[in-house]
Amino acid sequence: MARYTDAKCRICRREGLKLFLKGDRCNTEKCALERRAYAPGQHGQGRGKKSDYGIQLREKQKVKRTYGLLERQFRNLFEKAERMKGVTGENLLQLLERRLDNVVFRMGLASSRNEARQIVLHRHIRVNGRTVSIPSYITKAGQEIAVAQGSREHGRMKIAAETPLKGQCRWIEVDRKELKGKIVMLPAREDVDLPVQESLIVELYSK
């Protein structure tokens, strides 16, 4: 399975924004963006004015990298969003939020989306009682997401059960003690806390 394996801190520096790709480390003084708040590379501090295309590209890269997708995965999701009723940009963000790895992250079972991806891949998560090991699985309203019974003694899961949830999503009802949650409704645009102009992504792919 293809995935990004290069330095994650370079991504945040390139986008000029904390994408929290390393979880709790991003909130400490060790964060690379805190120490070097400019793009990586020899010319990182001397980048000039961006073109319209450059601005659109940065918005797309920001979203793609935040959710940990590769280009083909992101493009396929965009095409799916185009076929749905409603506003394409908002449909895209909703689909990204409904990915199983993101739901696990939103439930506080992982400190980052990358860690949530690993939890899903290692078969620790069940959806409506059935094990699902596909991070890109699109969840639906009414589904119950829970940690498998045999995985509840896992170190990360024990920490999650004992740690208060920060910033609970209104579209996911979480039970910390039971390590489970229920998707009570589909996420709306205001539920996406990433500062992004999704209309620029639509413009980029419409060229």
N, C-alpha and C. Protein backbone atom coordinates (compact mmCIF):
# COMPACT_ATOMS: atom_id res chain seq x y z
N MET A 1 0.84 -1.19 0.00
CA MET A 1 0.00 0.00 0.00
C MET A 1 0.88 1.24 0.00
N ALA A 2 0.69 2.13 -0.97
CA ALA A 2 1.51 3.33 -1.08
C ALA A 2 1.18 4.33 0.02
N ARG A 3 2.21 4.99 0.53
CA ARG A 3 2.01 6.02 1.54
C ARG A 3 3.22 6.94 1.58
N TYR A 4 3.04 8.11 2.16
CA TYR A 4 4.12 9.09 2.25
C TYR A 4 5.05 8.68 3.38
N THR A 5 6.36 8.61 3.10
CA THR A 5 7.32 8.16 4.11
C THR A 5 8.41 9.19 4.39
N ASP A 6 8.34 10.36 3.75
CA ASP A 6 9.36 11.38 3.96
C ASP A 6 9.09 12.13 5.27
N ALA A 7 9.96 13.10 5.60
CA ALA A 7 9.83 13.86 6.84
C ALA A 7 8.52 14.64 6.87
N LYS A 8 7.73 14.43 7.91
CA LYS A 8 6.41 15.08 8.00
C LYS A 8 6.51 16.56 8.35
N CYS A 9 7.53 16.94 9.11
CA CYS A 9 7.65 18.34 9.50
C CYS A 9 7.91 19.24 8.30
N ARG A 10 8.51 18.70 7.26
CA ARG A 10 8.74 19.49 6.04
C ARG A 10 7.41 19.89 5.40
N ILE A 11 6.41 19.02 5.54
CA ILE A 11 5.10 19.31 4.95
C ILE A 11 4.48 20.54 5.60
N CYS A 12 4.50 20.59 6.95
CA CYS A 12 3.93 21.74 7.65
C CYS A 12 4.67 23.02 7.30
N ARG A 13 5.99 22.93 7.20
CA ARG A 13 6.79 24.11 6.85
C ARG A 13 6.47 24.56 5.43
N ARG A 14 6.28 23.62 4.53
CA ARG A 14 5.98 23.98 3.14
C ARG A 14 4.63 24.67 3.02
N GLU A 15 3.65 24.21 3.81
CA GLU A 15 2.32 24.79 3.75
C GLU A 15 2.19 26.03 4.64
N GLY A 16 3.17 26.24 5.52
CA GLY A 16 3.12 27.39 6.41
C GLY A 16 2.02 27.30 7.44
N LEU A 17 1.68 26.06 7.82
CA LEU A 17 0.54 25.83 8.72
C LEU A 17 0.74 24.53 9.48
N LYS A 18 0.37 24.53 10.75
CA LYS A 18 0.45 23.30 11.53
C LYS A 18 -0.65 22.34 11.08
N LEU A 19 -0.25 21.20 10.54
CA LEU A 19 -1.23 20.20 10.10
C LEU A 19 -1.37 19.07 11.12
N PHE A 20 -0.60 19.16 12.21
CA PHE A 20 -0.65 18.19 13.32
C PHE A 20 -0.45 16.76 12.83
N LEU A 21 0.56 16.58 11.98
CA LEU A 21 0.85 15.26 11.42
C LEU A 21 1.59 14.38 12.43
N LYS A 22 2.15 14.99 13.48
CA LYS A 22 2.87 14.22 14.50
C LYS A 22 2.16 14.26 15.84
N GLY A 23 0.89 14.58 15.82
CA GLY A 23 0.10 14.53 17.04
C GLY A 23 0.53 15.53 18.10
N ASP A 24 0.71 15.05 19.33
CA ASP A 24 1.00 15.92 20.47
C ASP A 24 2.32 16.67 20.32
N ARG A 25 3.27 16.13 19.58
CA ARG A 25 4.56 16.79 19.39
C ARG A 25 4.37 18.18 18.76
N CYS A 26 3.34 18.32 17.93
CA CYS A 26 3.10 19.59 17.23
C CYS A 26 2.73 20.72 18.18
N ASN A 27 2.34 20.38 19.42
CA ASN A 27 1.97 21.39 20.40
C ASN A 27 3.12 21.75 21.32
N THR A 28 4.31 21.21 21.06
CA THR A 28 5.48 21.48 21.90
C THR A 28 6.47 22.37 21.17
N GLU A 29 7.51 22.76 21.89
CA GLU A 29 8.55 23.61 21.30
C GLU A 29 9.41 22.86 20.29
N LYS A 30 9.23 21.54 20.20
CA LYS A 30 9.98 20.74 19.24
C LYS A 30 9.41 20.85 17.82
N CYS A 31 8.23 21.45 17.71
CA CYS A 31 7.60 21.60 16.40
C CYS A 31 8.52 22.37 15.46
N ALA A 32 8.78 21.81 14.29
CA ALA A 32 9.70 22.44 13.33
C ALA A 32 9.19 23.79 12.85
N LEU A 33 7.87 23.96 12.76
CA LEU A 33 7.31 25.23 12.28
C LEU A 33 7.53 26.34 13.29
N GLU A 34 7.62 25.99 14.58
CA GLU A 34 7.89 26.99 15.61
C GLU A 34 9.32 27.50 15.50
N ARG A 35 10.23 26.60 15.15
CA ARG A 35 11.65 26.97 15.08
C ARG A 35 12.04 27.57 13.74
N ARG A 36 11.41 27.08 12.66
CA ARG A 36 11.75 27.57 11.32
C ARG A 36 10.46 27.78 10.52
N ALA A 37 9.86 28.93 10.73
CA ALA A 37 8.56 29.22 10.11
C ALA A 37 8.70 29.72 8.68
N TYR A 38 9.35 28.93 7.88
CA TYR A 38 9.50 29.24 6.45
C TYR A 38 9.62 27.93 5.69
N ALA A 39 9.40 27.98 4.39
CA ALA A 39 9.42 26.76 3.58
C ALA A 39 10.80 26.12 3.58
N PRO A 40 10.87 24.80 3.49
CA PRO A 40 12.16 24.12 3.48
C PRO A 40 12.90 24.33 2.15
N GLY A 41 14.17 24.01 2.15
CA GLY A 41 14.94 24.11 0.92
C GLY A 41 15.79 25.37 0.86
N GLN A 42 16.68 25.41 -0.10
CA GLN A 42 17.64 26.50 -0.25
C GLN A 42 16.97 27.86 -0.43
N HIS A 43 15.84 27.88 -1.13
CA HIS A 43 15.16 29.14 -1.42
C HIS A 43 13.89 29.33 -0.59
N GLY A 44 13.80 28.59 0.51
CA GLY A 44 12.58 28.63 1.33
C GLY A 44 12.22 29.99 1.87
N GLN A 45 13.21 30.82 2.17
CA GLN A 45 12.94 32.13 2.76
C GLN A 45 12.77 33.24 1.72
N GLY A 46 12.99 32.89 0.44
CA GLY A 46 12.94 33.92 -0.57
C GLY A 46 11.88 33.72 -1.63
N ARG A 47 10.84 32.97 -1.30
CA ARG A 47 9.79 32.72 -2.28
C ARG A 47 8.97 33.98 -2.53
N GLY A 48 8.77 34.30 -3.80
CA GLY A 48 8.06 35.52 -4.16
C GLY A 48 6.56 35.35 -4.21
N LYS A 49 5.91 36.23 -4.95
CA LYS A 49 4.47 36.23 -5.06
C LYS A 49 3.98 34.99 -5.82
N LYS A 50 2.89 34.39 -5.33
CA LYS A 50 2.35 33.19 -5.95
C LYS A 50 1.38 33.55 -7.08
N SER A 51 1.34 32.72 -8.09
CA SER A 51 0.36 32.87 -9.16
C SER A 51 -0.98 32.31 -8.69
N ASP A 52 -2.02 32.54 -9.49
CA ASP A 52 -3.34 31.98 -9.15
C ASP A 52 -3.26 30.46 -9.07
N TYR A 53 -2.53 29.86 -10.01
CA TYR A 53 -2.37 28.41 -10.00
C TYR A 53 -1.63 27.97 -8.74
N GLY A 54 -0.61 28.72 -8.35
CA GLY A 54 0.15 28.37 -7.15
C GLY A 54 -0.69 28.40 -5.90
N ILE A 55 -1.57 29.39 -5.81
CA ILE A 55 -2.47 29.51 -4.65
C ILE A 55 -3.44 28.33 -4.61
N GLN A 56 -4.00 27.97 -5.76
CA GLN A 56 -4.92 26.84 -5.84
C GLN A 56 -4.22 25.53 -5.48
N LEU A 57 -3.00 25.39 -5.98
CA LEU A 57 -2.24 24.17 -5.71
C LEU A 57 -1.94 24.02 -4.23
N ARG A 58 -1.59 25.12 -3.58
CA ARG A 58 -1.28 25.06 -2.14
C ARG A 58 -2.51 24.66 -1.33
N GLU A 59 -3.68 25.14 -1.73
CA GLU A 59 -4.90 24.75 -1.01
C GLU A 59 -5.16 23.26 -1.15
N LYS A 60 -4.96 22.75 -2.37
CA LYS A 60 -5.17 21.32 -2.60
C LYS A 60 -4.16 20.49 -1.81
N GLN A 61 -2.90 20.91 -1.85
CA GLN A 61 -1.85 20.18 -1.14
C GLN A 61 -2.08 20.19 0.37
N LYS A 62 -2.55 21.33 0.87
CA LYS A 62 -2.81 21.46 2.30
C LYS A 62 -3.83 20.43 2.76
N VAL A 63 -4.94 20.33 2.02
CA VAL A 63 -6.00 19.40 2.40
C VAL A 63 -5.55 17.95 2.20
N LYS A 64 -4.93 17.68 1.08
CA LYS A 64 -4.47 16.33 0.77
C LYS A 64 -3.51 15.81 1.82
N ARG A 65 -2.58 16.67 2.24
CA ARG A 65 -1.57 16.25 3.21
C ARG A 65 -2.12 16.17 4.63
N THR A 66 -3.09 17.02 4.94
CA THR A 66 -3.70 16.96 6.26
C THR A 66 -4.36 15.60 6.50
N TYR A 67 -5.06 15.11 5.48
CA TYR A 67 -5.77 13.83 5.62
C TYR A 67 -4.92 12.63 5.21
N GLY A 68 -3.68 12.86 4.78
CA GLY A 68 -2.75 11.78 4.49
C GLY A 68 -3.05 10.99 3.23
N LEU A 69 -3.53 11.66 2.18
CA LEU A 69 -3.85 10.97 0.93
C LEU A 69 -2.77 11.22 -0.11
N LEU A 70 -2.63 10.29 -1.03
CA LEU A 70 -1.78 10.48 -2.19
C LEU A 70 -2.62 11.10 -3.30
N GLU A 71 -1.98 11.56 -4.38
CA GLU A 71 -2.67 12.31 -5.42
C GLU A 71 -3.82 11.53 -6.05
N ARG A 72 -3.58 10.27 -6.40
CA ARG A 72 -4.63 9.50 -7.06
C ARG A 72 -5.83 9.29 -6.12
N GLN A 73 -5.56 9.01 -4.86
CA GLN A 73 -6.64 8.84 -3.90
C GLN A 73 -7.47 10.12 -3.78
N PHE A 74 -6.78 11.24 -3.72
CA PHE A 74 -7.46 12.53 -3.57
C PHE A 74 -8.30 12.85 -4.80
N ARG A 75 -7.73 12.58 -5.98
CA ARG A 75 -8.45 12.86 -7.23
C ARG A 75 -9.70 11.99 -7.34
N ASN A 76 -9.58 10.71 -6.97
CA ASN A 76 -10.73 9.81 -7.01
C ASN A 76 -11.85 10.30 -6.07
N LEU A 77 -11.45 10.80 -4.89
CA LEU A 77 -12.43 11.29 -3.94
C LEU A 77 -13.10 12.56 -4.47
N PHE A 78 -12.31 13.40 -5.15
CA PHE A 78 -12.87 14.62 -5.74
C PHE A 78 -13.90 14.27 -6.81
N GLU A 79 -13.59 13.29 -7.64
CA GLU A 79 -14.52 12.88 -8.70
C GLU A 79 -15.80 12.31 -8.10
N LYS A 80 -15.68 11.62 -6.97
CA LYS A 80 -16.87 11.11 -6.28
C LYS A 80 -17.70 12.27 -5.74
N ALA A 81 -17.02 13.30 -5.22
CA ALA A 81 -17.71 14.48 -4.69
C ALA A 81 -18.46 15.22 -5.80
N GLU A 82 -17.87 15.23 -7.00
CA GLU A 82 -18.51 15.89 -8.14
C GLU A 82 -19.82 15.22 -8.52
N ARG A 83 -19.89 13.91 -8.35
CA ARG A 83 -21.09 13.15 -8.74
C ARG A 83 -22.21 13.26 -7.71
N MET A 84 -21.88 13.74 -6.53
CA MET A 84 -22.88 13.87 -5.47
C MET A 84 -23.69 15.15 -5.63
N LYS A 85 -24.88 15.15 -5.06
CA LYS A 85 -25.70 16.35 -5.08
C LYS A 85 -25.10 17.38 -4.12
N GLY A 86 -25.27 18.67 -4.44
CA GLY A 86 -24.76 19.70 -3.56
C GLY A 86 -23.52 20.37 -4.10
N VAL A 87 -22.82 21.10 -3.22
CA VAL A 87 -21.63 21.85 -3.58
C VAL A 87 -20.42 20.91 -3.57
N THR A 88 -19.70 20.84 -4.67
CA THR A 88 -18.59 19.88 -4.81
C THR A 88 -17.54 20.04 -3.72
N GLY A 89 -17.13 21.27 -3.44
CA GLY A 89 -16.09 21.50 -2.44
C GLY A 89 -16.50 21.02 -1.06
N GLU A 90 -17.74 21.30 -0.68
CA GLU A 90 -18.24 20.86 0.62
C GLU A 90 -18.42 19.34 0.65
N ASN A 91 -18.84 18.77 -0.48
CA ASN A 91 -18.95 17.31 -0.56
C ASN A 91 -17.59 16.65 -0.36
N LEU A 92 -16.55 17.25 -0.93
CA LEU A 92 -15.20 16.70 -0.80
C LEU A 92 -14.75 16.70 0.66
N LEU A 93 -14.95 17.81 1.35
CA LEU A 93 -14.55 17.89 2.75
C LEU A 93 -15.35 16.91 3.61
N GLN A 94 -16.63 16.74 3.27
CA GLN A 94 -17.46 15.79 4.02
C GLN A 94 -16.95 14.36 3.85
N LEU A 95 -16.60 13.99 2.61
CA LEU A 95 -16.08 12.65 2.35
C LEU A 95 -14.77 12.42 3.09
N LEU A 96 -13.92 13.43 3.13
CA LEU A 96 -12.65 13.32 3.85
C LEU A 96 -12.89 13.12 5.34
N GLU A 97 -13.84 13.85 5.90
CA GLU A 97 -14.15 13.73 7.32
C GLU A 97 -14.75 12.36 7.65
N ARG A 98 -15.48 11.78 6.69
CA ARG A 98 -16.16 10.51 6.94
C ARG A 98 -15.24 9.29 6.76
N ARG A 99 -14.02 9.51 6.31
CA ARG A 99 -13.08 8.39 6.21
C ARG A 99 -12.89 7.76 7.60
N LEU A 100 -12.78 6.45 7.64
CA LEU A 100 -12.69 5.76 8.93
C LEU A 100 -11.49 6.20 9.75
N ASP A 101 -10.33 6.41 9.10
CA ASP A 101 -9.16 6.83 9.87
C ASP A 101 -9.37 8.20 10.49
N ASN A 102 -10.07 9.09 9.79
CA ASN A 102 -10.35 10.41 10.36
C ASN A 102 -11.35 10.32 11.50
N VAL A 103 -12.35 9.45 11.37
CA VAL A 103 -13.33 9.27 12.45
C VAL A 103 -12.64 8.76 13.72
N VAL A 104 -11.72 7.80 13.56
CA VAL A 104 -10.97 7.28 14.70
C VAL A 104 -10.17 8.41 15.36
N PHE A 105 -9.58 9.27 14.53
CA PHE A 105 -8.83 10.42 15.05
C PHE A 105 -9.77 11.38 15.77
N ARG A 106 -10.92 11.68 15.18
CA ARG A 106 -11.88 12.60 15.79
C ARG A 106 -12.42 12.07 17.11
N MET A 107 -12.47 10.75 17.24
CA MET A 107 -12.95 10.14 18.48
C MET A 107 -11.90 10.19 19.59
N GLY A 108 -10.70 10.63 19.25
CA GLY A 108 -9.64 10.72 20.25
C GLY A 108 -8.92 9.42 20.53
N LEU A 109 -9.09 8.43 19.64
CA LEU A 109 -8.43 7.14 19.82
C LEU A 109 -6.99 7.17 19.30
N ALA A 110 -6.60 8.24 18.65
CA ALA A 110 -5.25 8.40 18.12
C ALA A 110 -4.87 9.87 18.22
N SER A 111 -3.57 10.15 18.35
CA SER A 111 -3.10 11.53 18.48
C SER A 111 -2.91 12.20 17.13
N SER A 112 -2.94 11.42 16.06
CA SER A 112 -2.81 11.98 14.71
C SER A 112 -3.56 11.08 13.73
N ARG A 113 -3.80 11.59 12.54
CA ARG A 113 -4.49 10.77 11.53
C ARG A 113 -3.60 9.63 11.06
N ASN A 114 -2.30 9.83 11.09
CA ASN A 114 -1.38 8.76 10.69
C ASN A 114 -1.45 7.60 11.69
N GLU A 115 -1.52 7.94 12.97
CA GLU A 115 -1.65 6.90 13.99
C GLU A 115 -3.01 6.20 13.87
N ALA A 116 -4.04 6.98 13.57
CA ALA A 116 -5.38 6.40 13.39
C ALA A 116 -5.37 5.42 12.22
N ARG A 117 -4.66 5.77 11.16
CA ARG A 117 -4.54 4.88 10.00
C ARG A 117 -3.92 3.54 10.41
N GLN A 118 -2.89 3.59 11.24
CA GLN A 118 -2.24 2.36 11.70
C GLN A 118 -3.18 1.52 12.56
N ILE A 119 -3.96 2.19 13.41
CA ILE A 119 -4.90 1.48 14.28
C ILE A 119 -5.93 0.72 13.44
N VAL A 120 -6.41 1.37 12.38
CA VAL A 120 -7.38 0.71 11.49
C VAL A 120 -6.73 -0.45 10.75
N LEU A 121 -5.55 -0.21 10.20
CA LEU A 121 -4.85 -1.25 9.43
C LEU A 121 -4.55 -2.48 10.28
N HIS A 122 -4.30 -2.28 11.56
CA HIS A 122 -3.97 -3.39 12.46
C HIS A 122 -5.21 -4.07 13.05
N ARG A 123 -6.37 -3.75 12.46
CA ARG A 123 -7.62 -4.45 12.76
C ARG A 123 -8.10 -4.25 14.21
N HIS A 124 -7.89 -3.07 14.74
CA HIS A 124 -8.35 -2.76 16.09
C HIS A 124 -9.76 -2.16 16.11
N ILE A 125 -10.31 -1.83 14.92
CA ILE A 125 -11.57 -1.10 14.86
C ILE A 125 -12.69 -1.95 14.23
N ARG A 126 -13.87 -1.84 14.83
CA ARG A 126 -15.05 -2.53 14.31
C ARG A 126 -16.13 -1.51 13.97
N VAL A 127 -16.81 -1.73 12.87
CA VAL A 127 -17.91 -0.87 12.44
C VAL A 127 -19.19 -1.70 12.45
N ASN A 128 -20.13 -1.33 13.31
CA ASN A 128 -21.37 -2.10 13.49
C ASN A 128 -21.07 -3.58 13.77
N GLY A 129 -20.03 -3.79 14.59
CA GLY A 129 -19.70 -5.16 15.01
C GLY A 129 -18.80 -5.94 14.08
N ARG A 130 -18.47 -5.38 12.92
CA ARG A 130 -17.62 -6.07 11.95
C ARG A 130 -16.27 -5.37 11.83
N THR A 131 -15.19 -6.15 11.82
CA THR A 131 -13.85 -5.58 11.71
C THR A 131 -13.65 -4.96 10.33
N VAL A 132 -13.19 -3.71 10.32
CA VAL A 132 -12.88 -3.01 9.07
C VAL A 132 -11.44 -2.53 9.15
N SER A 133 -10.62 -2.95 8.20
CA SER A 133 -9.20 -2.60 8.22
C SER A 133 -8.82 -1.72 7.03
N ILE A 134 -9.78 -0.98 6.51
CA ILE A 134 -9.54 -0.11 5.35
C ILE A 134 -9.68 1.35 5.82
N PRO A 135 -8.57 2.09 5.92
CA PRO A 135 -8.62 3.47 6.40
C PRO A 135 -9.52 4.38 5.57
N SER A 136 -9.64 4.09 4.27
CA SER A 136 -10.43 4.95 3.37
C SER A 136 -11.92 4.61 3.38
N TYR A 137 -12.34 3.66 4.19
CA TYR A 137 -13.75 3.28 4.28
C TYR A 137 -14.58 4.51 4.65
N ILE A 138 -15.62 4.79 3.88
CA ILE A 138 -16.48 5.95 4.13
C ILE A 138 -17.63 5.56 5.06
N THR A 139 -17.62 6.13 6.23
CA THR A 139 -18.64 5.82 7.23
C THR A 139 -19.96 6.50 6.90
N LYS A 140 -21.03 6.02 7.53
CA LYS A 140 -22.37 6.56 7.28
C LYS A 140 -23.04 6.93 8.60
N ALA A 141 -24.03 7.79 8.51
CA ALA A 141 -24.79 8.19 9.69
C ALA A 141 -25.48 6.97 10.29
N GLY A 142 -25.42 6.85 11.61
CA GLY A 142 -26.06 5.73 12.29
C GLY A 142 -25.10 4.60 12.61
N GLN A 143 -23.92 4.59 12.02
CA GLN A 143 -22.98 3.50 12.27
C GLN A 143 -22.26 3.69 13.60
N GLU A 144 -21.97 2.56 14.24
CA GLU A 144 -21.24 2.56 15.50
C GLU A 144 -19.79 2.15 15.24
N ILE A 145 -18.86 2.97 15.70
CA ILE A 145 -17.42 2.70 15.55
C ILE A 145 -16.89 2.36 16.93
N ALA A 146 -16.28 1.18 17.07
CA ALA A 146 -15.81 0.75 18.39
C ALA A 146 -14.47 0.03 18.29
N VAL A 147 -13.73 0.07 19.39
CA VAL A 147 -12.47 -0.67 19.47
C VAL A 147 -12.82 -2.13 19.71
N ALA A 148 -12.16 -3.03 18.99
CA ALA A 148 -12.40 -4.46 19.15
C ALA A 148 -12.14 -4.88 20.59
N GLN A 149 -12.92 -5.83 21.08
CA GLN A 149 -12.82 -6.26 22.46
C GLN A 149 -11.40 -6.70 22.83
N GLY A 150 -10.75 -7.41 21.92
CA GLY A 150 -9.40 -7.91 22.20
C GLY A 150 -8.32 -6.85 22.13
N SER A 151 -8.68 -5.64 21.71
CA SER A 151 -7.69 -4.56 21.56
C SER A 151 -7.78 -3.52 22.66
N ARG A 152 -8.69 -3.71 23.60
CA ARG A 152 -8.93 -2.67 24.60
C ARG A 152 -7.82 -2.54 25.63
N GLU A 153 -6.97 -3.56 25.74
CA GLU A 153 -5.84 -3.49 26.66
C GLU A 153 -4.60 -2.94 25.98
N HIS A 154 -4.74 -2.62 24.70
CA HIS A 154 -3.64 -2.02 23.95
C HIS A 154 -3.27 -0.69 24.61
N GLY A 155 -1.96 -0.41 24.72
CA GLY A 155 -1.49 0.78 25.42
C GLY A 155 -2.17 2.06 25.00
N ARG A 156 -2.28 2.29 23.68
CA ARG A 156 -2.88 3.52 23.17
C ARG A 156 -4.36 3.61 23.54
N MET A 157 -5.05 2.48 23.53
CA MET A 157 -6.47 2.47 23.83
C MET A 157 -6.73 2.77 25.32
N LYS A 158 -5.84 2.28 26.17
CA LYS A 158 -5.99 2.54 27.61
C LYS A 158 -5.79 4.02 27.90
N ILE A 159 -4.84 4.62 27.18
CA ILE A 159 -4.60 6.06 27.34
C ILE A 159 -5.84 6.84 26.88
N ALA A 160 -6.43 6.42 25.76
CA ALA A 160 -7.61 7.10 25.22
C ALA A 160 -8.78 7.03 26.19
N ALA A 161 -8.95 5.88 26.84
CA ALA A 161 -10.07 5.70 27.77
C ALA A 161 -9.92 6.59 29.01
N GLU A 162 -8.67 6.89 29.38
CA GLU A 162 -8.42 7.66 30.60
C GLU A 162 -8.24 9.15 30.36
N THR A 163 -8.10 9.55 29.08
CA THR A 163 -7.85 10.95 28.76
C THR A 163 -9.13 11.64 28.30
N PRO A 164 -9.45 12.79 28.88
CA PRO A 164 -10.66 13.53 28.45
C PRO A 164 -10.54 13.92 26.98
N LEU A 165 -11.65 13.86 26.27
CA LEU A 165 -11.66 14.18 24.85
C LEU A 165 -11.60 15.69 24.65
N LYS A 166 -10.70 16.13 23.78
CA LYS A 166 -10.56 17.56 23.48
C LYS A 166 -11.36 17.89 22.22
N GLY A 167 -12.22 18.88 22.33
CA GLY A 167 -12.94 19.35 21.15
C GLY A 167 -13.79 18.30 20.46
N GLN A 168 -14.74 17.73 21.18
CA GLN A 168 -15.58 16.69 20.60
C GLN A 168 -16.40 17.20 19.41
N CYS A 169 -16.48 16.37 18.37
CA CYS A 169 -17.27 16.72 17.18
C CYS A 169 -18.75 16.55 17.48
N ARG A 170 -19.56 17.47 17.00
CA ARG A 170 -21.00 17.37 17.26
C ARG A 170 -21.64 16.25 16.45
N TRP A 171 -20.95 15.78 15.39
CA TRP A 171 -21.55 14.74 14.56
C TRP A 171 -21.15 13.32 14.99
N ILE A 172 -20.29 13.24 16.02
CA ILE A 172 -19.91 11.93 16.56
C ILE A 172 -20.19 11.92 18.06
N GLU A 173 -20.96 10.96 18.49
CA GLU A 173 -21.27 10.80 19.91
C GLU A 173 -20.29 9.77 20.48
N VAL A 174 -19.42 10.20 21.39
CA VAL A 174 -18.33 9.35 21.86
C VAL A 174 -18.54 8.89 23.30
N ASP A 175 -18.29 7.62 23.55
CA ASP A 175 -18.31 7.03 24.89
C ASP A 175 -16.88 6.62 25.20
N ARG A 176 -16.17 7.42 26.00
CA ARG A 176 -14.75 7.18 26.26
C ARG A 176 -14.52 5.88 27.04
N LYS A 177 -15.37 5.61 28.02
CA LYS A 177 -15.17 4.41 28.84
C LYS A 177 -15.31 3.14 28.01
N GLU A 178 -16.29 3.12 27.13
CA GLU A 178 -16.54 1.94 26.31
C GLU A 178 -15.72 1.93 25.01
N LEU A 179 -14.96 3.01 24.79
CA LEU A 179 -14.12 3.13 23.60
C LEU A 179 -14.93 2.92 22.31
N LYS A 180 -16.01 3.65 22.23
CA LYS A 180 -16.84 3.54 21.04
C LYS A 180 -17.52 4.88 20.76
N GLY A 181 -18.06 5.00 19.57
CA GLY A 181 -18.75 6.22 19.19
C GLY A 181 -19.79 5.92 18.14
N LYS A 182 -20.72 6.83 17.97
CA LYS A 182 -21.77 6.66 16.97
C LYS A 182 -21.86 7.93 16.12
N ILE A 183 -21.94 7.75 14.82
CA ILE A 183 -22.08 8.88 13.91
C ILE A 183 -23.55 9.27 13.88
N VAL A 184 -23.86 10.36 14.56
CA VAL A 184 -25.26 10.74 14.72
C VAL A 184 -25.78 11.53 13.52
N MET A 185 -24.86 12.11 12.75
CA MET A 185 -25.24 12.82 11.53
C MET A 185 -24.01 13.02 10.67
N LEU A 186 -24.22 13.40 9.42
CA LEU A 186 -23.09 13.64 8.54
C LEU A 186 -22.48 15.00 8.86
N PRO A 187 -21.15 15.12 8.76
CA PRO A 187 -20.51 16.40 9.07
C PRO A 187 -20.89 17.50 8.09
N ALA A 188 -21.05 18.70 8.59
CA ALA A 188 -21.35 19.87 7.75
C ALA A 188 -20.06 20.67 7.54
N ARG A 189 -20.13 21.68 6.70
CA ARG A 189 -18.94 22.49 6.40
C ARG A 189 -18.35 23.10 7.67
N GLU A 190 -19.20 23.56 8.58
CA GLU A 190 -18.70 24.21 9.80
C GLU A 190 -18.01 23.24 10.76
N ASP A 191 -18.14 21.94 10.50
CA ASP A 191 -17.49 20.95 11.35
C ASP A 191 -16.04 20.71 10.95
N VAL A 192 -15.63 21.27 9.82
CA VAL A 192 -14.25 21.10 9.35
C VAL A 192 -13.43 22.29 9.86
N ASP A 193 -12.50 22.03 10.79
CA ASP A 193 -11.75 23.11 11.41
C ASP A 193 -10.49 23.51 10.65
N LEU A 194 -10.23 22.88 9.53
CA LEU A 194 -9.05 23.22 8.73
C LEU A 194 -9.29 24.52 7.96
N PRO A 195 -8.41 25.51 8.08
CA PRO A 195 -8.58 26.77 7.34
C PRO A 195 -8.28 26.57 5.86
N VAL A 196 -9.31 26.33 5.09
CA VAL A 196 -9.12 26.02 3.66
C VAL A 196 -10.24 26.64 2.84
N GLN A 197 -9.92 27.07 1.64
CA GLN A 197 -10.91 27.56 0.69
C GLN A 197 -11.12 26.45 -0.34
N GLU A 198 -12.09 25.61 -0.10
CA GLU A 198 -12.30 24.44 -0.96
C GLU A 198 -12.67 24.82 -2.39
N SER A 199 -13.20 26.03 -2.58
CA SER A 199 -13.56 26.48 -3.92
C SER A 199 -12.33 26.57 -4.83
N LEU A 200 -11.16 26.85 -4.23
CA LEU A 200 -9.93 26.92 -5.02
C LEU A 200 -9.52 25.54 -5.53
N ILE A 201 -9.83 24.50 -4.76
CA ILE A 201 -9.52 23.14 -5.19
C ILE A 201 -10.40 22.76 -6.37
N VAL A 202 -11.66 23.16 -6.29
CA VAL A 202 -12.59 22.89 -7.39
C VAL A 202 -12.12 23.60 -8.66
N GLU A 203 -11.68 24.85 -8.51
CA GLU A 203 -11.17 25.61 -9.65
C GLU A 203 -9.94 24.93 -10.26
N LEU A 204 -9.06 24.43 -9.41
CA LEU A 204 -7.84 23.77 -9.88
C LEU A 204 -8.16 22.55 -10.73
N TYR A 205 -9.07 21.70 -10.24
CA TYR A 205 -9.41 20.47 -10.95
C TYR A 205 -10.34 20.71 -12.13
N SER A 206 -10.91 21.92 -12.21
CA SER A 206 -11.84 22.22 -13.32
C SER A 206 -11.11 22.75 -14.56
N LYS A 207 -9.82 22.95 -14.46
CA LYS A 207 -9.07 23.50 -15.58
C LYS A 207 -8.88 22.47 -16.68
